Amino acid sequence: MRLGRPDLADLVKNSKKYRRLVELTQGPFPSIKEVRHVQRAFRGEPDPKDGDQVETDDDWRSQMKAKFEGDVGLQVVLARHAAGNGQAVA
C-alpha cells in the first residue's frame, strides 16, 4: 500500500490468482490440485465443477495415462519405470 491505494491493494490480495499463489507456496510440497488451481487462475480458466477436480497426484497420473495411452513416448517411459521398480506397466 505504498502508493496510498488500499482499495487496489485489497483487490489484489483478494483475487483468485493471489490466493492460489499463496496456497501453493505455503506448504513444503504442493499437490497437483494446488498447481492446477494456480495454472487455471493465471490462464483465466474457471475452476472445474465438483467431481471434475483431480484430488490426488495418483488421480492425476491415472487421468494422464488414460488421456495419453496411445502415446509411444509415454509407453517407453512407463516401461522403463516399471523395469526399474519391478512393477508391471499399468
Protein backbone atom coordinates (compact mmCIF):
# COMPACT_ATOMS: atom_id res chain seq x y z
CA MET A 1 0.00 0.00 0.00
CA ARG A 2 2.93 2.27 -0.64
CA LEU A 3 1.03 4.24 -3.26
CA GLY A 4 -1.87 5.08 -0.95
CA ARG A 5 -4.43 2.92 -2.75
CA PRO A 6 -5.77 0.47 -0.15
CA ASP A 7 -8.71 -0.28 -2.45
CA LEU A 8 -6.38 -1.63 -5.15
CA ALA A 9 -4.26 -3.48 -2.60
CA ASP A 10 -7.38 -5.23 -1.29
CA LEU A 11 -8.43 -6.18 -4.83
CA VAL A 12 -5.07 -7.82 -5.48
CA LYS A 13 -4.91 -9.57 -2.12
CA ASN A 14 -8.42 -10.91 -2.51
CA SER A 15 -8.01 -12.02 -6.11
CA LYS A 16 -8.13 -15.68 -7.09
CA LYS A 17 -4.62 -15.53 -8.56
CA TYR A 18 -3.09 -14.15 -5.37
CA ARG A 19 -4.97 -16.58 -3.10
CA ARG A 20 -3.97 -19.56 -5.23
CA LEU A 21 -0.34 -18.46 -5.32
CA VAL A 22 -0.26 -18.07 -1.53
CA GLU A 23 -1.81 -21.53 -1.10
CA LEU A 24 0.76 -23.02 -3.46
CA THR A 25 3.73 -21.54 -1.61
CA GLN A 26 2.64 -22.18 1.99
CA GLY A 27 3.40 -25.89 2.20
CA PRO A 28 6.62 -27.81 1.63
CA PHE A 29 5.36 -29.71 -1.44
CA PRO A 30 2.36 -28.51 -3.42
CA SER A 31 -0.17 -31.07 -4.58
CA ILE A 32 -1.13 -31.39 -8.22
CA LYS A 33 -4.51 -29.94 -7.24
CA GLU A 34 -2.87 -26.75 -5.94
CA VAL A 35 -0.65 -26.43 -9.01
CA ARG A 36 -3.65 -26.84 -11.34
CA HIS A 37 -5.58 -24.17 -9.38
CA VAL A 38 -2.75 -21.70 -9.94
CA GLN A 39 -2.44 -22.61 -13.61
CA ARG A 40 -6.17 -22.07 -14.16
CA ALA A 41 -6.14 -18.78 -12.26
CA PHE A 42 -3.31 -17.34 -14.38
CA ARG A 43 -4.84 -18.61 -17.61
CA GLY A 44 -8.19 -17.10 -16.70
CA GLU A 45 -9.89 -20.51 -16.80
CA PRO A 46 -12.81 -21.28 -14.49
CA ASP A 47 -12.38 -23.75 -11.66
CA PRO A 48 -13.81 -27.14 -12.50
CA LYS A 49 -17.17 -28.17 -11.15
CA ASP A 50 -17.33 -30.57 -8.24
CA GLY A 51 -16.45 -34.02 -9.45
CA ASP A 52 -14.29 -32.75 -12.31
CA GLN A 53 -11.47 -31.92 -9.95
CA VAL A 54 -8.39 -34.10 -9.53
CA GLU A 55 -7.93 -34.63 -5.81
CA THR A 56 -4.63 -36.51 -5.58
CA ASP A 57 -1.42 -36.96 -7.51
CA ASP A 58 -2.39 -40.59 -8.17
CA ASP A 59 -5.72 -39.48 -9.66
CA TRP A 60 -3.87 -37.05 -11.91
CA ARG A 61 -1.43 -39.75 -13.05
CA SER A 62 -4.33 -42.08 -13.84
CA GLN A 63 -6.09 -39.39 -15.88
CA MET A 64 -2.93 -38.53 -17.81
CA LYS A 65 -2.18 -42.21 -18.52
CA ALA A 66 -5.70 -42.63 -19.88
CA LYS A 67 -5.52 -39.40 -21.88
CA PHE A 68 -2.18 -40.25 -23.49
CA GLU A 69 -2.41 -44.04 -23.58
CA GLY A 70 -1.70 -44.11 -27.32
CA ASP A 71 1.48 -42.04 -27.00
CA VAL A 72 4.54 -44.15 -27.84
CA GLY A 73 6.86 -41.96 -25.75
CA LEU A 74 4.68 -42.42 -22.68
CA GLN A 75 4.71 -46.19 -23.16
CA VAL A 76 8.53 -46.16 -23.26
CA VAL A 77 8.73 -44.08 -20.08
CA LEU A 78 6.22 -46.34 -18.28
CA ALA A 79 8.08 -49.46 -19.38
CA ARG A 80 11.40 -48.08 -18.14
CA HIS A 81 9.83 -47.04 -14.86
CA ALA A 82 8.25 -50.46 -14.39
CA ALA A 83 11.53 -52.22 -15.21
CA GLY A 84 13.36 -50.10 -12.66
CA ASN A 85 10.80 -50.79 -9.94
CA GLY A 86 10.00 -54.39 -10.74
CA GLN A 87 6.35 -53.48 -11.38
CA ALA A 88 4.04 -54.26 -14.23
CA VAL A 89 3.06 -51.40 -16.51
CA ALA A 90 -0.45 -50.16 -15.66
